[in-house]
PDB file of N, CA and C in Angstrom:
ATOM      1  N   MET A   1     130.932  -8.272 255.631  1.00  0.00           N
ATOM      2  CA  MET A   1     130.639  -7.309 256.659  1.00  0.00           C
ATOM      3  C   MET A   1     131.954  -6.909 257.312  1.00  0.00           C
ATOM      4  N   LEU A   2     132.120  -5.627 257.508  1.00  0.00           N
ATOM      5  CA  LEU A   2     133.299  -5.112 258.174  1.00  0.00           C
ATOM      6  C   LEU A   2     132.987  -4.851 259.631  1.00  0.00           C
ATOM      7  N   GLY A   3     133.956  -5.076 260.480  1.00  0.00           N
ATOM      8  CA  GLY A   3     133.785  -4.831 261.904  1.00  0.00           C
ATOM      9  C   GLY A   3     134.011  -3.365 262.229  1.00  0.00           C
ATOM     10  N   PRO A   4     134.065  -3.046 263.510  1.00  0.00           N
ATOM     11  CA  PRO A   4     134.298  -1.658 263.928  1.00  0.00           C
ATOM     12  C   PRO A   4     135.621  -1.129 263.390  1.00  0.00           C
ATOM     13  N   LEU A   5     135.650   0.175 263.089  1.00  0.00           N
ATOM     14  CA  LEU A   5     136.821   0.790 262.505  1.00  0.00           C
ATOM     15  C   LEU A   5     137.053   2.141 263.163  1.00  0.00           C
ATOM     16  N   HIS A   6     138.302   2.424 263.524  1.00  0.00           N
ATOM     17  CA  HIS A   6     138.659   3.714 264.108  1.00  0.00           C
ATOM     18  C   HIS A   6     139.807   4.282 263.296  1.00  0.00           C
ATOM     19  N   LEU A   7     139.609   5.452 262.694  1.00  0.00           N
ATOM     20  CA  LEU A   7     140.653   6.113 261.909  1.00  0.00           C
ATOM     21  C   LEU A   7     140.940   7.479 262.487  1.00  0.00           C
ATOM     22  N   ASP A   8     142.204   7.816 262.588  1.00  0.00           N
ATOM     23  CA  ASP A   8     142.621   9.164 262.968  1.00  0.00           C
ATOM     24  C   ASP A   8     143.465   9.679 261.814  1.00  0.00           C
ATOM     25  N   LEU A   9     142.867  10.523 260.976  1.00  0.00           N
ATOM     26  CA  LEU A   9     143.513  11.016 259.768  1.00  0.00           C
ATOM     27  C   LEU A   9     143.907  12.479 259.950  1.00  0.00           C
ATOM     28  N   LEU A  10     145.099  12.706 260.470  1.00  0.00           N
ATOM     29  CA  LEU A  10     145.618  14.060 260.650  1.00  0.00           C
ATOM     30  C   LEU A  10     144.640  14.952 261.410  1.00  0.00           C
ATOM     31  N   GLY A  11     144.080  14.427 262.466  1.00  0.00           N
ATOM     32  CA  GLY A  11     143.172  15.197 263.305  1.00  0.00           C
ATOM     33  C   GLY A  11     141.703  14.993 262.986  1.00  0.00           C
ATOM     34  N   LEU A  12     141.394  14.333 261.912  1.00  0.00           N
ATOM     35  CA  LEU A  12     140.005  14.003 261.589  1.00  0.00           C
ATOM     36  C   LEU A  12     139.773  12.570 262.043  1.00  0.00           C
ATOM     37  N   VAL A  13     138.904  12.392 263.022  1.00  0.00           N
ATOM     38  CA  VAL A  13     138.655  11.076 263.593  1.00  0.00           C
ATOM     39  C   VAL A  13     137.370  10.508 263.006  1.00  0.00           C
ATOM     40  N   VAL A  14     137.476   9.293 262.468  1.00  0.00           N
ATOM     41  CA  VAL A  14     136.325   8.609 261.886  1.00  0.00           C
ATOM     42  C   VAL A  14     136.129   7.304 262.644  1.00  0.00           C
ATOM     43  N   ASP A  15     134.958   7.125 263.224  1.00  0.00           N
ATOM     44  CA  ASP A  15     134.606   5.888 263.914  1.00  0.00           C
ATOM     45  C   ASP A  15     133.425   5.255 263.199  1.00  0.00           C
ATOM     46  N   LEU A  16     133.613   4.027 262.752  1.00  0.00           N
ATOM     47  CA  LEU A  16     132.537   3.272 262.129  1.00  0.00           C
ATOM     48  C   LEU A  16     132.255   2.059 262.993  1.00  0.00           C
ATOM     49  N   ASN A  17     130.983   1.821 263.272  1.00  0.00           N
ATOM     50  CA  ASN A  17     130.621   0.678 264.093  1.00  0.00           C
ATOM     51  C   ASN A  17     130.485  -0.567 263.245  1.00  0.00           C
ATOM     52  N   GLN A  18     129.712  -0.476 262.172  1.00  0.00           N
ATOM     53  CA  GLN A  18     129.492  -1.642 261.321  1.00  0.00           C
ATOM     54  C   GLN A  18     129.129  -1.165 259.927  1.00  0.00           C
ATOM     55  N   VAL A  19     129.755  -1.780 258.923  1.00  0.00           N
ATOM     56  CA  VAL A  19     129.497  -1.419 257.535  1.00  0.00           C
ATOM     57  C   VAL A  19     129.172  -2.693 256.774  1.00  0.00           C
ATOM     58  N   VAL A  20     128.106  -2.670 255.999  1.00  0.00           N
ATOM     59  CA  VAL A  20     127.752  -3.804 255.148  1.00  0.00           C
ATOM     60  C   VAL A  20     127.880  -3.336 253.707  1.00  0.00           C
ATOM     61  N   LEU A  21     128.668  -4.058 252.926  1.00  0.00           N
ATOM     62  CA  LEU A  21     128.901  -3.728 251.531  1.00  0.00           C
ATOM     63  C   LEU A  21     128.325  -4.840 250.667  1.00  0.00           C
ATOM     64  N   THR A  22     127.444  -4.483 249.754  1.00  0.00           N
ATOM     65  CA  THR A  22     126.854  -5.448 248.839  1.00  0.00           C
ATOM     66  C   THR A  22     127.313  -5.110 247.428  1.00  0.00           C
ATOM     67  N   ILE A  23     127.877  -6.107 246.744  1.00  0.00           N
ATOM     68  CA  ILE A  23     128.325  -5.922 245.368  1.00  0.00           C
ATOM     69  C   ILE A  23     127.487  -6.827 244.479  1.00  0.00           C
ATOM     70  N   THR A  24     126.904  -6.248 243.451  1.00  0.00           N
ATOM     71  CA  THR A  24     126.055  -6.992 242.528  1.00  0.00           C
ATOM     72  C   THR A  24     126.642  -6.886 241.130  1.00  0.00           C
ATOM     73  N   ALA A  25     126.791  -8.018 240.473  1.00  0.00           N
ATOM     74  CA  ALA A  25     127.289  -8.039 239.101  1.00  0.00           C
ATOM     75  C   ALA A  25     126.104  -7.964 238.145  1.00  0.00           C
ATOM     76  N   VAL A  26     126.199  -7.058 237.177  1.00  0.00           N
ATOM     77  CA  VAL A  26     125.134  -6.867 236.197  1.00  0.00           C
ATOM     78  C   VAL A  26     125.694  -7.161 234.810  1.00  0.00           C
ATOM     79  N   ARG A  27     125.064  -8.127 234.125  1.00  0.00           N
ATOM     80  CA  ARG A  27     125.472  -8.464 232.757  1.00  0.00           C
ATOM     81  C   ARG A  27     124.918  -7.435 231.781  1.00  0.00           C
ATOM     82  N   GLY A  28     125.611  -7.258 230.680  1.00  0.00           N
ATOM     83  CA  GLY A  28     125.104  -6.391 229.629  1.00  0.00           C
ATOM     84  C   GLY A  28     126.228  -5.729 228.861  1.00  0.00           C
ATOM     85  N   ALA A  29     125.869  -5.108 227.756  1.00  0.00           N
ATOM     86  CA  ALA A  29     126.839  -4.417 226.919  1.00  0.00           C
ATOM     87  C   ALA A  29     127.495  -3.289 227.707  1.00  0.00           C
ATOM     88  N   GLY A  30     128.806  -3.230 227.654  1.00  0.00           N
ATOM     89  CA  GLY A  30     129.543  -2.172 228.330  1.00  0.00           C
ATOM     90  C   GLY A  30     129.796  -2.424 229.803  1.00  0.00           C
ATOM     91  N   ASN A  31     129.299  -3.520 230.351  1.00  0.00           N
ATOM     92  CA  ASN A  31     129.486  -3.836 231.773  1.00  0.00           C
ATOM     93  C   ASN A  31     130.616  -4.851 231.922  1.00  0.00           C
ATOM     94  N   LEU A  32     131.842  -4.433 231.630  1.00  0.00           N
ATOM     95  CA  LEU A  32     132.980  -5.338 231.584  1.00  0.00           C
ATOM     96  C   LEU A  32     133.170  -6.093 232.892  1.00  0.00           C
ATOM     97  N   LEU A  33     133.205  -5.390 234.015  1.00  0.00           N
ATOM     98  CA  LEU A  33     133.432  -6.068 235.288  1.00  0.00           C
ATOM     99  C   LEU A  33     132.248  -6.931 235.699  1.00  0.00           C
ATOM    100  N   GLY A  34     131.034  -6.465 235.431  1.00  0.00           N
ATOM    101  CA  GLY A  34     129.860  -7.268 235.744  1.00  0.00           C
ATOM    102  C   GLY A  34     129.827  -8.553 234.937  1.00  0.00           C
ATOM    103  N   ASN A  35     130.130  -8.450 233.655  1.00  0.00           N
ATOM    104  CA  ASN A  35     130.173  -9.640 232.798  1.00  0.00           C
ATOM    105  C   ASN A  35     131.263 -10.601 233.254  1.00  0.00           C
ATOM    106  N   LEU A  36     132.422 -10.055 233.613  1.00  0.00           N
ATOM    107  CA  LEU A  36     133.531 -10.896 234.062  1.00  0.00           C
ATOM    108  C   LEU A  36     133.169 -11.619 235.356  1.00  0.00           C
ATOM    109  N   LEU A  37     132.605 -10.909 236.316  1.00  0.00           N
ATOM    110  CA  LEU A  37     132.251 -11.529 237.585  1.00  0.00           C
ATOM    111  C   LEU A  37     131.163 -12.586 237.404  1.00  0.00           C
ATOM    112  N   CYS A  38     130.184 -12.310 236.552  1.00  0.00           N
ATOM    113  CA  CYS A  38     129.133 -13.302 236.287  1.00  0.00           C
ATOM    114  C   CYS A  38     129.725 -14.551 235.640  1.00  0.00           C
ATOM    115  N   SER A  39     130.675 -14.368 234.734  1.00  0.00           N
ATOM    116  CA  SER A  39     131.302 -15.512 234.076  1.00  0.00           C
ATOM    117  C   SER A  39     132.115 -16.333 235.060  1.00  0.00           C
ATOM    118  N   ILE A  40     132.845 -15.667 235.923  1.00  0.00           N
ATOM    119  CA  ILE A  40     133.646 -16.382 236.921  1.00  0.00           C
ATOM    120  C   ILE A  40     132.733 -17.122 237.892  1.00  0.00           C
ATOM    121  N   ALA A  41     131.659 -16.477 238.315  1.00  0.00           N
ATOM    122  CA  ALA A  41     130.713 -17.133 239.217  1.00  0.00           C
ATOM    123  C   ALA A  41     130.079 -18.338 238.534  1.00  0.00           C
ATOM    124  N   GLY A  42     129.849 -18.255 237.231  1.00  0.00           N
ATOM    125  CA  GLY A  42     129.287 -19.378 236.483  1.00  0.00           C
ATOM    126  C   GLY A  42     130.205 -20.586 236.479  1.00  0.00           C
ATOM    127  N   LEU A  43     131.511 -20.348 236.542  1.00  0.00           N
ATOM    128  CA  LEU A  43     132.460 -21.461 236.596  1.00  0.00           C
ATOM    129  C   LEU A  43     132.302 -22.248 237.892  1.00  0.00           C
ATOM    130  N   LEU A  44     131.884 -21.569 238.948  1.00  0.00           N
ATOM    131  CA  LEU A  44     131.732 -22.226 240.247  1.00  0.00           C
ATOM    132  C   LEU A  44     130.421 -22.986 240.368  1.00  0.00           C
ATOM    133  N   ASP A  45     129.479 -22.727 239.457  1.00  0.00           N
ATOM    134  CA  ASP A  45     128.183 -23.402 239.514  1.00  0.00           C
ATOM    135  C   ASP A  45     128.303 -24.900 239.272  1.00  0.00           C
ATOM    136  N   ASN A  46     129.225 -25.294 238.396  1.00  0.00           N
ATOM    137  CA  ASN A  46     129.366 -26.697 238.030  1.00  0.00           C
ATOM    138  C   ASN A  46     130.840 -27.086 238.048  1.00  0.00           C
ATOM    139  N   PRO A  47     131.439 -27.252 239.254  1.00  0.00           N
ATOM    140  CA  PRO A  47     132.863 -27.559 239.307  1.00  0.00           C
ATOM    141  C   PRO A  47     133.227 -28.894 238.670  1.00  0.00           C
ATOM    142  N   ALA A  48     132.269 -29.798 238.521  1.00  0.00           N
ATOM    143  CA  ALA A  48     132.554 -31.092 237.907  1.00  0.00           C
ATOM    144  C   ALA A  48     132.557 -31.006 236.380  1.00  0.00           C
ATOM    145  N   GLY A  49     132.276 -29.823 235.846  1.00  0.00           N
ATOM    146  CA  GLY A  49     132.183 -29.653 234.404  1.00  0.00           C
ATOM    147  C   GLY A  49     133.510 -29.632 233.682  1.00  0.00           C
ATOM    148  N   GLY A  50     134.611 -29.757 234.393  1.00  0.00           N
ATOM    149  CA  GLY A  50     135.918 -29.771 233.751  1.00  0.00           C
ATOM    150  C   GLY A  50     136.364 -28.380 233.375  1.00  0.00           C
ATOM    151  N   THR A  51     137.174 -28.296 232.317  1.00  0.00           N
ATOM    152  CA  THR A  51     137.746 -27.012 231.921  1.00  0.00           C
ATOM    153  C   THR A  51     136.952 -26.329 230.819  1.00  0.00           C
ATOM    154  N   GLY A  52     135.835 -26.897 230.420  1.00  0.00           N
ATOM    155  CA  GLY A  52     135.043 -26.279 229.352  1.00  0.00           C
ATOM    156  C   GLY A  52     134.597 -24.881 229.712  1.00  0.00           C
ATOM    157  N   GLY A  53     134.174 -24.676 230.950  1.00  0.00           N
ATOM    158  CA  GLY A  53     133.748 -23.353 231.391  1.00  0.00           C
ATOM    159  C   GLY A  53     134.899 -22.377 231.414  1.00  0.00           C
ATOM    160  N   LEU A  54     136.067 -22.838 231.831  1.00  0.00           N
ATOM    161  CA  LEU A  54     137.240 -21.973 231.874  1.00  0.00           C
ATOM    162  C   LEU A  54     137.670 -21.573 230.469  1.00  0.00           C
ATOM    163  N   ALA A  55     137.663 -22.520 229.552  1.00  0.00           N
ATOM    164  CA  ALA A  55     138.031 -22.220 228.165  1.00  0.00           C
ATOM    165  C   ALA A  55     137.054 -21.211 227.563  1.00  0.00           C
ATOM    166  N   ARG A  56     135.772 -21.367 227.848  1.00  0.00           N
ATOM    167  CA  ARG A  56     134.761 -20.436 227.341  1.00  0.00           C
ATOM    168  C   ARG A  56     135.004 -19.032 227.890  1.00  0.00           C
ATOM    169  N   LEU A  57     135.330 -18.942 229.194  1.00  0.00           N
ATOM    170  CA  LEU A  57     135.597 -17.649 229.809  1.00  0.00           C
ATOM    171  C   LEU A  57     136.818 -16.985 229.185  1.00  0.00           C
ATOM    172  N   LEU A  58     137.878 -17.756 228.977  1.00  0.00           N
ATOM    173  CA  LEU A  58     139.083 -17.187 228.370  1.00  0.00           C
ATOM    174  C   LEU A  58     138.817 -16.709 226.952  1.00  0.00           C
ATOM    175  N   ASN A  59     138.018 -17.444 226.209  1.00  0.00           N
ATOM    176  CA  ASN A  59     137.663 -17.012 224.856  1.00  0.00           C
ATOM    177  C   ASN A  59     136.837 -15.729 224.885  1.00  0.00           C
ATOM    178  N   GLN A  60     135.936 -15.604 225.865  1.00  0.00           N
ATOM    179  CA  GLN A  60     135.155 -14.373 226.002  1.00  0.00           C
ATOM    180  C   GLN A  60     136.063 -13.190 226.323  1.00  0.00           C
ATOM    181  N   LEU A  61     137.031 -13.417 227.233  1.00  0.00           N
ATOM    182  CA  LEU A  61     137.974 -12.347 227.578  1.00  0.00           C
ATOM    183  C   LEU A  61     138.800 -11.923 226.355  1.00  0.00           C
ATOM    184  N   LEU A  62     139.252 -12.895 225.583  1.00  0.00           N
ATOM    185  CA  LEU A  62     139.990 -12.567 224.374  1.00  0.00           C
ATOM    186  C   LEU A  62     139.137 -11.760 223.402  1.00  0.00           C
ATOM    187  N   GLY A  63     137.870 -12.139 223.282  1.00  0.00           N
ATOM    188  CA  GLY A  63     136.970 -11.399 222.404  1.00  0.00           C
ATOM    189  C   GLY A  63     136.783  -9.964 222.859  1.00  0.00           C
ATOM    190  N   ILE A  64     136.652  -9.772 224.179  1.00  0.00           N
ATOM    191  CA  ILE A  64     136.500  -8.417 224.729  1.00  0.00           C
ATOM    192  C   ILE A  64     137.763  -7.599 224.484  1.00  0.00           C
ATOM    193  N   LEU A  65     138.933  -8.208 224.750  1.00  0.00           N
ATOM    194  CA  LEU A  65     140.189  -7.479 224.585  1.00  0.00           C
ATOM    195  C   LEU A  65     140.472  -7.161 223.115  1.00  0.00           C
ATOM    196  N   ASN A  66     140.084  -8.043 222.217  1.00  0.00           N
ATOM    197  CA  ASN A  66     140.270  -7.779 220.794  1.00  0.00           C
ATOM    198  C   ASN A  66     139.367  -6.666 220.292  1.00  0.00           C
ATOM    199  N   GLY A  67     138.242  -6.459 220.984  1.00  0.00           N
ATOM    200  CA  GLY A  67     137.310  -5.415 220.591  1.00  0.00           C
ATOM    201  C   GLY A  67     137.723  -4.035 221.051  1.00  0.00           C
ATOM    202  N   LEU A  68     138.743  -3.950 221.902  1.00  0.00           N
ATOM    203  CA  LEU A  68     139.176  -2.638 222.418  1.00  0.00           C
ATOM    204  C   LEU A  68     139.879  -1.824 221.385  1.00  0.00           C
TER     205      LEU A  68
END
């Protein structure tokens, strides 16, 4: 959540009281950022799992980059 904001842009004044921004990651083909964010969030689900999750994520990233 962002707090109050006051902008004066070359004579255009913008006042915002409160802004709520919700970002949702969506998995699926062609959703590169959504897939990446879901994978990173999955690493946080089981921090005691060691580096297996990190290695899996890096392999997925390599697979995506090789497909470009």
